[in-house]
Protein backbone atom coordinates (compact mmCIF):
# COMPACT_ATOMS: atom_id res chain seq x y z
CA MET A 1 -36.47 -7.59 -92.65
CA ALA A 2 -36.18 -11.09 -93.77
CA HIS A 3 -33.53 -12.85 -91.82
CA GLU A 4 -32.21 -16.42 -91.38
CA THR A 5 -32.08 -18.25 -88.30
CA ASN A 6 -33.32 -21.56 -86.86
CA ALA A 7 -35.88 -20.13 -84.42
CA GLN A 8 -39.30 -21.75 -84.42
CA PRO A 9 -41.73 -20.15 -86.50
CA SER A 10 -44.48 -17.66 -85.05
CA ASP A 11 -47.86 -16.70 -86.01
CA GLU A 12 -46.50 -13.39 -87.71
CA GLU A 13 -43.89 -15.16 -89.92
CA LEU A 14 -43.81 -17.42 -92.60
CA VAL A 15 -40.60 -19.35 -92.59
CA LEU A 16 -39.38 -20.91 -95.86
CA ALA A 17 -36.95 -23.64 -95.97
CA LEU A 18 -34.20 -23.23 -98.48
CA ILE A 19 -31.58 -25.52 -99.63
CA TYR A 20 -28.40 -23.64 -98.89
CA ALA A 21 -26.57 -25.08 -101.86
CA GLU A 22 -29.25 -24.56 -104.20
CA GLY A 23 -27.60 -21.55 -106.24
CA PRO A 24 -29.00 -19.08 -109.02
CA PRO A 25 -31.46 -18.74 -110.32
CA PHE A 26 -33.48 -20.03 -107.40
CA TYR A 27 -31.51 -18.99 -104.35
CA SER A 28 -28.36 -17.31 -103.43
CA PHE A 29 -26.99 -15.61 -100.22
CA ASP A 30 -24.44 -12.75 -100.21
CA GLU A 31 -21.95 -12.88 -97.53
CA ASN A 32 -20.94 -9.15 -97.70
CA THR A 33 -24.70 -7.84 -97.82
CA GLN A 34 -25.98 -10.57 -95.65
CA LEU A 35 -28.94 -10.52 -98.18
CA SER A 36 -30.87 -13.38 -100.01
CA SER A 37 -32.03 -13.04 -103.70
CA GLY A 38 -33.41 -15.37 -106.38
CA LEU A 39 -36.55 -16.67 -108.18
CA LEU A 40 -37.74 -18.32 -104.53
CA ILE A 41 -36.97 -15.16 -102.71
CA ASN A 42 -39.20 -12.89 -105.07
CA ILE A 43 -41.97 -15.15 -105.09
CA MET A 44 -42.06 -15.80 -101.42
CA GLN A 45 -41.75 -12.06 -100.61
CA ARG A 46 -45.00 -11.32 -102.41
CA LEU A 47 -46.76 -14.20 -100.64
CA ALA A 48 -45.73 -13.15 -97.38
CA GLN A 49 -46.86 -9.74 -97.94
CA SER A 50 -50.36 -11.08 -99.18
CA LEU A 51 -50.56 -12.94 -96.32
CA ASN A 52 -49.55 -10.23 -93.85
CA ARG A 53 -46.32 -12.09 -92.44
CA ASP A 54 -42.96 -11.35 -92.05
CA LEU A 55 -40.67 -13.71 -94.31
CA ARG A 56 -37.86 -15.58 -92.88
CA TYR A 57 -35.25 -18.27 -94.32
CA LEU A 58 -34.31 -21.41 -92.87
CA PRO A 59 -31.08 -22.65 -94.89
CA THR A 60 -31.12 -26.24 -94.92
CA ALA A 61 -29.86 -29.61 -96.78
CA ARG A 62 -31.91 -31.37 -99.54
CA ASN A 63 -32.38 -34.41 -97.32
CA LYS A 64 -33.41 -32.53 -94.16
CA ILE A 65 -36.19 -30.03 -95.99
CA GLU A 66 -38.79 -32.40 -95.33
CA HIS A 67 -38.09 -33.06 -91.87
CA ASP A 68 -37.82 -29.04 -90.93
CA ILE A 69 -41.42 -29.00 -91.99
CA PHE A 70 -42.99 -31.76 -90.41
CA ASN A 71 -40.88 -30.72 -86.95
CA HIS A 72 -42.28 -27.30 -87.39
CA LYS A 73 -39.00 -25.32 -88.29
CA ALA A 74 -40.17 -24.24 -91.33
CA ASP A 75 -43.70 -23.69 -92.84
CA VAL A 76 -43.13 -23.97 -96.38
CA ALA A 77 -40.65 -25.12 -99.34
CA PHE A 78 -40.83 -25.17 -102.87
CA LEU A 79 -41.18 -29.09 -103.77
CA ALA A 80 -42.52 -31.43 -106.35
CA PRO A 81 -44.70 -34.17 -104.61
CA GLN A 82 -42.77 -36.96 -106.29
CA TRP A 83 -39.45 -35.96 -104.91
CA LEU A 84 -40.65 -36.78 -101.24
CA ASP A 85 -40.85 -39.94 -99.27
CA SER A 86 -44.05 -38.93 -97.37
CA PRO A 87 -46.04 -36.16 -99.44
CA GLU A 88 -49.24 -37.24 -97.79
CA LYS A 89 -48.24 -35.46 -94.59
CA LEU A 90 -48.02 -32.06 -96.33
CA LEU A 91 -50.07 -29.67 -98.05
CA PHE A 92 -49.50 -28.45 -101.41
CA SER A 93 -50.61 -25.43 -103.10
CA ASP A 94 -51.36 -24.88 -106.86
CA PRO A 95 -48.17 -25.56 -109.30
CA VAL A 96 -45.85 -22.33 -108.97
CA TYR A 97 -44.00 -22.97 -111.95
CA SER A 98 -43.12 -26.06 -113.94
CA TYR A 99 -39.68 -27.00 -115.63
CA GLN A 100 -38.25 -30.10 -117.31
CA HIS A 101 -35.01 -31.91 -116.64
CA ALA A 102 -32.67 -32.53 -119.41
CA PHE A 103 -29.25 -34.09 -120.24
CA TYR A 104 -26.36 -31.77 -121.29
CA GLY A 105 -23.15 -32.97 -122.88
CA LEU A 106 -20.19 -31.83 -124.80
CA PHE A 107 -21.08 -33.41 -127.94
CA ALA A 108 -24.01 -32.34 -130.46
CA PRO A 109 -27.13 -34.82 -130.78
CA LYS A 110 -27.21 -36.91 -133.78
CA GLU A 111 -30.18 -36.32 -136.18
CA GLY A 112 -32.84 -38.86 -135.31
CA GLN A 113 -30.92 -40.71 -132.56
CA GLU A 114 -33.05 -41.60 -129.53
CA LEU A 115 -32.14 -40.11 -126.35
CA ALA A 116 -31.50 -43.65 -124.96
CA ASP A 117 -28.93 -44.40 -127.39
CA ALA A 118 -27.16 -41.14 -127.10
CA VAL A 119 -26.68 -41.59 -123.32
CA LYS A 120 -26.21 -45.38 -123.13
CA GLY A 121 -22.70 -46.46 -121.49
CA ARG A 122 -22.05 -43.00 -120.23
CA SER A 123 -21.33 -41.56 -117.07
CA VAL A 124 -23.78 -38.39 -115.56
CA CYS A 125 -23.23 -36.18 -112.99
CA LEU A 126 -26.29 -35.97 -110.49
CA ARG A 127 -26.85 -34.08 -107.30
CA GLU A 128 -26.51 -36.17 -104.11
CA ASN A 129 -29.69 -36.40 -101.84
CA TYR A 130 -31.46 -35.79 -105.01
CA ARG A 131 -34.20 -38.27 -106.34
CA TYR A 132 -34.21 -38.92 -110.11
CA LEU A 133 -37.12 -41.59 -110.46
CA GLU A 134 -37.15 -41.22 -113.93
CA LEU A 135 -33.62 -42.34 -114.25
CA GLU A 136 -33.91 -45.29 -111.83
CA PRO A 137 -34.21 -47.77 -114.55
CA TRP A 138 -31.35 -46.78 -116.48
CA LEU A 139 -29.07 -46.42 -113.31
CA LYS A 140 -30.02 -49.84 -112.08
CA SER A 141 -29.43 -51.33 -115.43
CA GLY A 142 -26.10 -49.90 -115.94
CA VAL A 143 -27.20 -47.79 -118.89
CA LEU A 144 -25.94 -45.02 -117.08
CA SER A 145 -23.19 -44.62 -114.52
CA PRO A 146 -23.97 -42.01 -111.63
CA VAL A 147 -21.16 -39.49 -110.40
CA TYR A 148 -22.60 -37.57 -107.52
CA VAL A 149 -21.87 -34.09 -106.61
CA SER A 150 -22.46 -32.22 -103.74
CA SER A 151 -23.98 -28.91 -105.37
CA HIS A 152 -25.80 -27.65 -108.45
CA SER A 153 -22.82 -25.25 -109.32
CA ARG A 154 -20.52 -28.11 -109.87
CA LEU A 155 -22.36 -29.93 -112.32
CA PHE A 156 -21.26 -27.98 -115.38
CA GLU A 157 -17.55 -27.64 -113.57
CA MET A 158 -17.43 -31.34 -113.88
CA LEU A 159 -18.61 -31.65 -117.50
CA GLN A 160 -15.98 -29.31 -118.37
CA LEU A 161 -13.51 -30.99 -116.68
CA ALA A 162 -14.70 -34.34 -118.10
CA ARG A 163 -15.19 -35.85 -114.64
CA CYS A 164 -18.36 -37.36 -116.37
CA ASP A 165 -19.49 -37.41 -119.86
CA LEU A 166 -23.15 -36.08 -119.20
CA ILE A 167 -25.05 -34.07 -116.63
CA TYR A 168 -28.76 -34.03 -115.80
CA THR A 169 -30.12 -30.86 -114.61
CA ASN A 170 -33.53 -28.59 -114.53
CA THR A 171 -33.54 -26.57 -117.58
CA PHE A 172 -34.23 -23.45 -115.65
CA ARG A 173 -30.90 -23.76 -113.78
CA ALA A 174 -29.23 -24.91 -117.31
CA GLY A 175 -30.70 -21.76 -118.87
CA TRP A 176 -29.16 -19.43 -116.23
CA THR A 177 -26.00 -21.03 -116.12
CA LEU A 178 -25.12 -21.29 -119.81
CA SER A 179 -26.19 -17.64 -119.83
CA ALA A 180 -24.09 -16.67 -116.95
CA ASN A 181 -20.66 -18.39 -117.96
CA HIS A 182 -18.77 -18.56 -121.01
CA TYR A 183 -16.94 -21.96 -120.87
CA ASP A 184 -14.37 -23.14 -123.07
CA LYS A 185 -16.01 -26.27 -124.43
CA ALA A 186 -19.53 -26.01 -125.84
CA VAL A 187 -22.45 -27.59 -124.21
CA PHE A 188 -25.20 -29.26 -125.84
CA ARG A 189 -28.71 -30.02 -124.78
CA LEU A 190 -29.15 -33.71 -125.49
CA GLY A 191 -33.05 -33.99 -124.67
CA THR A 192 -35.19 -35.11 -122.04
CA VAL A 193 -37.28 -38.00 -120.88
CA GLY A 194 -40.55 -36.09 -121.42
CA LEU A 195 -41.64 -35.67 -117.82
CA THR A 196 -42.34 -32.33 -116.46
CA ASP A 197 -41.75 -31.12 -112.78
CA ASP A 198 -44.58 -29.00 -111.06
CA ILE A 199 -42.90 -27.29 -108.31
CA LYS A 200 -45.68 -26.58 -105.67
CA LEU A 201 -45.39 -24.82 -102.03
CA ALA A 202 -45.28 -27.90 -99.46
CA PHE A 203 -46.94 -26.55 -96.26
CA SER A 204 -46.83 -28.07 -93.06
CA PRO A 205 -50.52 -29.25 -91.96
CA HIS A 206 -51.34 -26.45 -89.65
CA TRP A 207 -51.73 -24.30 -92.86
CA LYS A 208 -54.72 -25.63 -93.96
CA GLY A 209 -56.84 -22.67 -93.60
CA LYS A 210 -54.42 -20.72 -95.47
CA ILE A 211 -53.97 -22.59 -98.66
CA ALA A 212 -56.92 -21.26 -100.50
CA GLN A 213 -55.76 -17.61 -99.89
CA VAL A 214 -51.97 -18.89 -101.23
CA ASN A 215 -53.54 -20.40 -104.23
CA ALA A 216 -55.84 -17.07 -104.74
CA THR A 217 -52.64 -14.90 -104.71
CA LEU A 218 -50.64 -17.18 -106.78
CA ALA A 219 -53.31 -17.16 -109.57
CA GLN A 220 -53.42 -13.34 -109.24
CA MET A 221 -49.68 -13.12 -110.04
CA ARG A 222 -50.38 -15.56 -112.91
CA LYS A 223 -52.98 -13.65 -114.27
CA SER A 224 -51.43 -10.37 -113.99
CA GLY A 225 -47.87 -11.37 -115.55
CA GLU A 226 -46.18 -10.59 -112.06
CA LEU A 227 -44.88 -14.26 -111.85
CA GLN A 228 -43.68 -14.62 -115.41
CA ASN A 229 -41.76 -11.40 -114.90
CA ILE A 230 -40.26 -12.83 -111.74
CA ILE A 231 -39.12 -15.91 -113.55
CA ASP A 232 -37.87 -13.91 -116.36
CA LYS A 233 -36.03 -11.62 -114.43
CA ASN A 234 -34.20 -14.03 -112.61
CA MET A 235 -33.27 -16.37 -115.45
CA SER A 236 -31.20 -13.56 -116.69
CA PRO A 237 -27.99 -13.27 -115.24
CA THR A 238 -27.84 -9.49 -115.18
CA GLY A 239 -31.54 -9.23 -113.97
CA ASN A 240 -31.31 -10.71 -110.61
CA SER A 241 -30.83 -8.17 -108.01
CA GLN A 242 -31.01 -8.46 -104.31
């Protein structure tokens, strides 16, 4: 059975570093059943099975996830290379899934209005300890005023409470959140800056001999439709099961 602990990985295990505050559709932990669920869990269960390893989870913080892999506390995490300080120190699989980040607000976008004009002079709620390279020019120039929050689940709450004018989050999380909640104030997607995040599996270097097998399993899951089924199931608030 998959379990969560801080022990060192073994040759019989695949240890996944998980951001404990990640939240659905990616990851959630039920205190009553002591079970983990979510998009990341379902993908890794399938991968661990193909590698004949026991899956174990290491809950961690966003600013510690690289450190945990570098120091062999974990084997792997779901990451995009551009988010990391030292991506050259890790091994990356082929992309597992992709999404964009978008701005969301309580006002509808005006027809023909440029995104930069729609967000100019507004405050935006962002996750602390996350890197938003595409927003740095706007943040440094004062086009946007950041308000940092501790968890993804707080983003939409802060928007509803008018603690910020905008939120900026990935389209997977936004799609799940808007489907799972009936907010008093309507939420509108204002647009993206046009970039796509390819989420990969970031492994510690001693997994070099296994990357080809990992990629082969991912390719098989993609070709068979299994990977898309996992994504679709977890994007539905009623479809995500333990």
